[in-house]
N, C-alpha and C. Protein backbone atom coordinates (compact mmCIF):
# COMPACT_ATOMS: atom_id res chain seq x y z
N MET A 1 0.85 -1.25 -0.01
CA MET A 1 -0.02 0.05 -0.08
C MET A 1 0.97 1.46 0.10
N ILE A 2 0.63 2.23 -0.93
CA ILE A 2 1.31 3.47 -1.13
C ILE A 2 0.61 4.34 0.11
N ARG A 3 1.55 5.31 0.68
CA ARG A 3 1.07 6.33 1.70
C ARG A 3 2.00 7.62 1.29
N SER A 4 1.04 8.57 1.23
CA SER A 4 2.04 9.80 1.04
C SER A 4 1.48 10.86 2.13
N VAL A 5 2.36 11.57 2.72
CA VAL A 5 2.26 12.29 3.93
C VAL A 5 2.77 13.81 3.59
N ASN A 6 2.36 14.77 4.37
CA ASN A 6 2.81 16.07 4.30
C ASN A 6 3.39 16.34 5.54
N VAL A 7 4.49 16.37 5.71
CA VAL A 7 5.01 16.77 7.00
C VAL A 7 5.70 18.39 7.28
N ILE A 8 5.62 18.68 8.38
CA ILE A 8 6.20 19.98 8.65
C ILE A 8 7.04 19.75 10.07
N ILE A 9 8.28 20.06 9.88
CA ILE A 9 9.22 19.67 10.88
C ILE A 9 9.80 20.99 11.49
N ALA A 10 9.64 21.21 12.89
CA ALA A 10 9.86 22.48 13.88
C ALA A 10 11.17 22.40 14.63
N GLY A 11 12.01 23.24 14.64
CA GLY A 11 12.83 23.31 15.23
C GLY A 11 14.24 24.01 14.54
N ARG A 12 15.14 23.79 14.82
CA ARG A 12 16.50 24.50 14.29
C ARG A 12 16.74 23.61 13.13
N VAL A 13 16.14 23.56 12.22
CA VAL A 13 16.14 22.67 10.85
C VAL A 13 16.60 23.57 9.65
N GLN A 14 16.81 24.89 9.67
CA GLN A 14 17.28 25.54 8.62
C GLN A 14 18.71 25.99 8.92
N ARG A 15 19.58 25.90 7.82
CA ARG A 15 21.21 26.33 7.74
C ARG A 15 21.93 25.53 8.70
N VAL A 16 21.32 23.88 8.57
CA VAL A 16 22.17 23.05 9.17
C VAL A 16 22.28 21.72 8.38
N GLY A 17 21.77 22.17 7.27
CA GLY A 17 21.91 20.87 6.21
C GLY A 17 21.00 19.79 6.36
N TYR A 18 19.61 20.48 6.75
CA TYR A 18 18.64 19.30 7.10
C TYR A 18 17.91 19.05 5.73
N ARG A 19 17.73 19.90 4.93
CA ARG A 19 17.09 19.50 3.49
C ARG A 19 17.82 18.45 2.69
N HIS A 20 19.09 18.56 2.78
CA HIS A 20 20.09 17.96 2.09
C HIS A 20 20.06 16.29 2.98
N TRP A 21 20.22 16.51 4.36
CA TRP A 21 19.94 15.26 5.03
C TRP A 21 18.68 14.34 4.53
N VAL A 22 17.36 15.10 4.72
CA VAL A 22 16.33 14.29 4.29
C VAL A 22 16.46 14.08 2.74
N ASP A 23 16.95 14.55 1.84
CA ASP A 23 16.94 14.22 0.65
C ASP A 23 17.84 12.76 0.52
N ARG A 24 18.82 12.91 1.20
CA ARG A 24 19.83 11.75 0.97
C ARG A 24 19.01 10.33 1.74
N HIS A 25 18.27 10.63 2.58
CA HIS A 25 17.85 9.49 3.58
C HIS A 25 16.63 9.05 2.85
N ALA A 26 15.65 9.79 2.35
CA ALA A 26 14.50 9.58 1.60
C ALA A 26 14.95 8.86 0.36
N ARG A 27 15.91 9.20 -0.46
CA ARG A 27 16.27 8.42 -1.59
C ARG A 27 16.92 7.27 -1.39
N ARG A 28 17.60 6.92 -0.09
CA ARG A 28 18.04 5.70 0.23
C ARG A 28 16.74 4.61 0.39
N MET A 29 15.92 5.37 1.08
CA MET A 29 14.59 4.49 1.31
C MET A 29 13.59 4.15 0.18
N GLY A 30 14.27 4.76 -1.09
CA GLY A 30 13.33 4.60 -2.13
C GLY A 30 11.71 5.35 -2.31
N LEU A 31 11.94 6.50 -1.25
CA LEU A 31 10.61 7.22 -1.17
C LEU A 31 10.72 8.58 -2.43
N GLY A 32 9.30 8.67 -2.79
CA GLY A 32 9.27 9.88 -3.77
C GLY A 32 8.63 11.33 -2.78
N GLY A 33 9.24 12.36 -3.44
CA GLY A 33 8.46 13.34 -2.75
C GLY A 33 9.14 14.66 -2.98
N TRP A 34 9.32 15.71 -1.83
CA TRP A 34 10.13 16.84 -2.19
C TRP A 34 10.40 17.25 -0.70
N VAL A 35 11.20 18.26 -0.65
CA VAL A 35 11.57 18.92 0.82
C VAL A 35 11.95 20.42 0.49
N ARG A 36 11.45 21.21 1.39
CA ARG A 36 11.72 22.70 1.17
C ARG A 36 11.72 23.52 2.47
N ASN A 37 12.49 24.66 2.67
CA ASN A 37 12.14 25.65 3.68
C ASN A 37 11.06 26.42 3.67
N LEU A 38 10.53 26.69 4.87
CA LEU A 38 9.34 27.54 4.91
C LEU A 38 9.79 28.85 5.52
N GLN A 39 9.09 29.99 5.43
CA GLN A 39 9.57 31.26 5.76
C GLN A 39 9.48 31.33 7.35
N ASP A 40 8.69 30.59 8.23
CA ASP A 40 8.78 30.63 9.57
C ASP A 40 10.12 29.93 10.17
N GLY A 41 10.82 29.35 9.41
CA GLY A 41 11.92 28.42 9.81
C GLY A 41 11.99 26.90 9.99
N SER A 42 10.50 26.61 9.48
CA SER A 42 10.46 25.05 9.61
C SER A 42 10.74 24.51 8.20
N VAL A 43 10.73 23.24 8.14
CA VAL A 43 10.83 22.68 6.84
C VAL A 43 9.73 21.86 6.56
N GLU A 44 9.21 21.82 5.47
CA GLU A 44 7.90 21.15 4.73
C GLU A 44 8.51 19.84 3.99
N ALA A 45 7.91 18.94 3.98
CA ALA A 45 8.41 17.60 3.19
C ALA A 45 6.99 16.89 2.75
N VAL A 46 6.81 16.17 1.67
CA VAL A 46 5.97 15.15 1.24
C VAL A 46 6.87 13.86 0.88
N PHE A 47 6.56 13.00 1.62
CA PHE A 47 7.14 11.62 1.47
C PHE A 47 5.93 10.43 0.82
N SER A 48 6.24 9.80 -0.13
CA SER A 48 5.59 8.78 -0.55
C SER A 48 6.16 7.44 -0.82
N GLY A 49 5.47 6.47 -0.56
CA GLY A 49 5.97 5.19 -0.59
C GLY A 49 5.29 4.20 0.22
N SER A 50 6.01 3.23 0.58
CA SER A 50 5.15 2.00 1.44
C SER A 50 5.07 2.71 2.65
N ALA A 51 3.69 2.31 3.23
CA ALA A 51 3.21 2.82 4.52
C ALA A 51 4.57 2.63 5.76
N LYS A 52 5.32 1.42 5.67
CA LYS A 52 6.37 1.28 6.70
C LYS A 52 7.25 2.12 6.37
N LYS A 53 7.91 2.53 5.04
CA LYS A 53 9.01 3.21 4.80
C LYS A 53 8.75 4.78 5.16
N VAL A 54 7.61 5.08 4.93
CA VAL A 54 6.97 6.53 4.93
C VAL A 54 7.01 6.79 6.58
N GLN A 55 6.48 5.85 7.41
CA GLN A 55 6.57 5.79 8.86
C GLN A 55 7.82 5.83 9.44
N ASP A 56 8.80 4.94 8.75
CA ASP A 56 10.07 4.94 9.15
C ASP A 56 10.86 6.17 9.06
N MET A 57 10.75 6.90 7.59
CA MET A 57 11.34 8.25 7.56
C MET A 57 10.87 9.37 8.43
N ILE A 58 9.51 9.31 8.55
CA ILE A 58 9.06 10.37 9.69
C ILE A 58 9.57 10.40 10.94
N GLU A 59 9.89 9.17 11.43
CA GLU A 59 10.48 8.78 12.79
C GLU A 59 12.02 9.40 12.67
N LEU A 60 12.68 8.78 11.28
CA LEU A 60 14.00 9.24 11.42
C LEU A 60 14.34 10.87 11.27
N CYS A 61 13.00 11.49 11.04
CA CYS A 61 13.47 13.09 10.73
C CYS A 61 13.59 13.63 12.12
N PHE A 62 13.23 12.87 13.16
CA PHE A 62 13.43 13.55 14.56
C PHE A 62 14.74 13.61 14.89
N GLU A 63 15.67 12.72 14.31
CA GLU A 63 17.23 12.76 14.08
C GLU A 63 17.97 13.96 13.65
N GLY A 64 17.65 14.10 12.46
CA GLY A 64 18.12 14.83 11.40
C GLY A 64 19.89 15.00 11.55
N PRO A 65 20.39 15.96 10.71
CA PRO A 65 21.75 16.00 10.76
C PRO A 65 22.33 16.47 12.37
N SER A 66 23.52 16.41 12.45
CA SER A 66 23.97 16.96 14.07
C SER A 66 23.69 18.06 14.46
N LEU A 67 23.85 19.01 13.64
CA LEU A 67 23.27 20.50 14.27
C LEU A 67 22.07 20.84 14.35
N ALA A 68 21.20 19.95 13.79
CA ALA A 68 19.72 20.22 13.91
C ALA A 68 19.16 19.65 15.47
N LYS A 69 18.05 20.55 15.57
CA LYS A 69 17.38 20.31 17.00
C LYS A 69 15.89 20.18 16.22
N VAL A 70 15.34 18.98 16.16
CA VAL A 70 13.98 18.95 16.11
C VAL A 70 12.91 19.14 17.12
N ILE A 71 12.26 19.92 17.04
CA ILE A 71 11.45 19.93 18.34
C ILE A 71 9.84 19.34 18.28
N ASP A 72 9.39 19.34 16.84
CA ASP A 72 8.04 18.79 16.72
C ASP A 72 7.97 18.45 15.22
N ILE A 73 7.35 17.34 14.75
CA ILE A 73 6.85 16.93 13.66
C ILE A 73 5.65 16.71 13.54
N THR A 74 4.83 17.58 12.72
CA THR A 74 3.07 17.09 12.33
C THR A 74 3.02 16.59 10.86
N ALA A 75 2.61 15.33 10.85
CA ALA A 75 2.35 14.77 9.85
C ALA A 75 0.75 14.74 9.31
N SER A 76 0.44 14.93 8.09
CA SER A 76 -0.96 14.68 7.66
C SER A 76 -1.06 13.97 6.38
N PRO A 77 -2.07 13.47 5.96
CA PRO A 77 -2.10 12.66 4.80
C PRO A 77 -2.18 13.79 3.44
N ALA A 78 -1.46 13.20 2.33
CA ALA A 78 -1.32 14.22 1.13
C ALA A 78 -1.51 13.73 -0.10
N ALA A 79 -1.95 14.28 -1.14
CA ALA A 79 -1.89 13.73 -2.39
C ALA A 79 -0.35 13.07 -2.76
N PRO A 80 -0.21 12.16 -3.42
CA PRO A 80 1.07 11.69 -3.96
C PRO A 80 1.74 12.67 -4.79
N PRO A 81 3.00 13.01 -4.45
CA PRO A 81 3.72 14.08 -5.59
C PRO A 81 3.62 13.81 -6.98
N THR A 82 3.75 14.97 -7.57
CA THR A 82 3.70 14.75 -9.14
C THR A 82 5.04 14.31 -9.70
N GLU A 83 6.13 14.80 -8.77
CA GLU A 83 7.43 13.99 -9.15
C GLU A 83 7.63 12.80 -8.34
N THR A 84 7.75 11.73 -9.05
CA THR A 84 7.82 10.29 -8.31
C THR A 84 9.25 9.89 -8.34
N GLY A 85 9.64 9.02 -7.25
CA GLY A 85 10.73 8.40 -7.22
C GLY A 85 12.08 9.15 -6.72
N VAL A 86 11.74 10.57 -6.65
CA VAL A 86 12.98 11.24 -6.26
C VAL A 86 12.47 12.37 -5.27
N ILE A 87 13.40 12.88 -4.47
CA ILE A 87 12.98 14.05 -3.43
C ILE A 87 13.82 15.06 -4.28
N LEU A 88 13.07 16.09 -4.45
CA LEU A 88 13.64 17.36 -4.97
C LEU A 88 13.54 18.50 -3.99
N TYR A 89 14.39 19.34 -3.66
CA TYR A 89 14.37 20.68 -3.04
C TYR A 89 13.35 21.57 -3.78
N ARG A 90 12.81 22.40 -3.15
CA ARG A 90 11.88 23.30 -3.13
C ARG A 90 12.01 24.60 -2.46
N ASP A 91 12.23 25.70 -3.48
CA ASP A 91 12.33 27.06 -2.56
C ASP A 91 11.09 27.85 -2.58
């Protein structure tokens, strides 16, 4: 079963390599979607793939790169991304 979620990651997640970290890990897991910075300092992403891999990625997002400090992650159902099989940066 394919699952797609929109996640908002709050905390110290900009200017610490967080988007690149998400991109690298999501690609390794074979997820589709995208990731971008938001003006309020949070990061938004869409992950699409098997329900287990999507859940694993959400949990992994709490770790982030070494300089990041994730305070909260909000996940909600999303439409599958139009770009499939790859995580793209969006600004």
